[in-house]
Amino acid sequence: MNKLVLATGNVNKVKEMKELLVDMPLEILAAKDYQGLVMPEEDCLTFAGNAAKKAEVVSAFTGEIALADDSGLEVEALNGRPGVFSSRYAGEEGNYEANNRLLLTELKGFPPDKRGARFVCAIAISIPGDQTYIVEESCPGVIAESLRGEGGFGYDPLFIYEPARITFAEMSAEEKNKVSHRGRALRSARKLLTRLLA
């Protein structure tokens, strides 16, 4: 059975990815399963660039197929920020509370019709001896005026998925995976993997 290494150190992403790839004919591993593997700095200016960089480094180190994502939030009123800096928007990498607080501060006073945003997810699949393949998907929404919900992670408590009128953090994992940027991108990645492994 082919191995697939998830090129991320984010345990929340590993959980979501495993749920969406669960019945693929692959042994799914995470970067943390490989001692000495150091994830590269995410210093590219696009989601696709960062995803490709991570997938290629992990594939080269492990000799296995690697899948990496880079995702983030683009807010219209902030000219697309935080974008590729979403996880370190407030400075410290992965400080969800500080990031959400900063976003609310920057959007203070903006009415609902000026709070449009979208989550973007680029997924890269790197295959040893082959090339790196990219899929990219997005999910539109609106930024709430206060935190709502206990689920999810990152900006989920602020991101309202308009058809459901609730935030990602108010959804079950199953509901979120059906509509989210990462869910959509992983479904596209599944189709791509199925073709590549045929």
Foldseek 3Di string as FASTA:
>chain_A
DAEEEELDPDPLVVVLLCVLCVPPPYHYHYPVVDPPQDADDQDDPAFQVSQQSSQVSSCVVPVGKYKYKQKAKAWVLVVGPPHSCQQCSQHDGNPQVSSLVVVLVVCPPPDFVRFKMKMKMKMWIQHVPDGIDIDIFMAIFGFANDFQADDDGRSQRGTARPVVRHGNRNDDSVVCLVGHRVNVRSVVVSVVVVVVVD
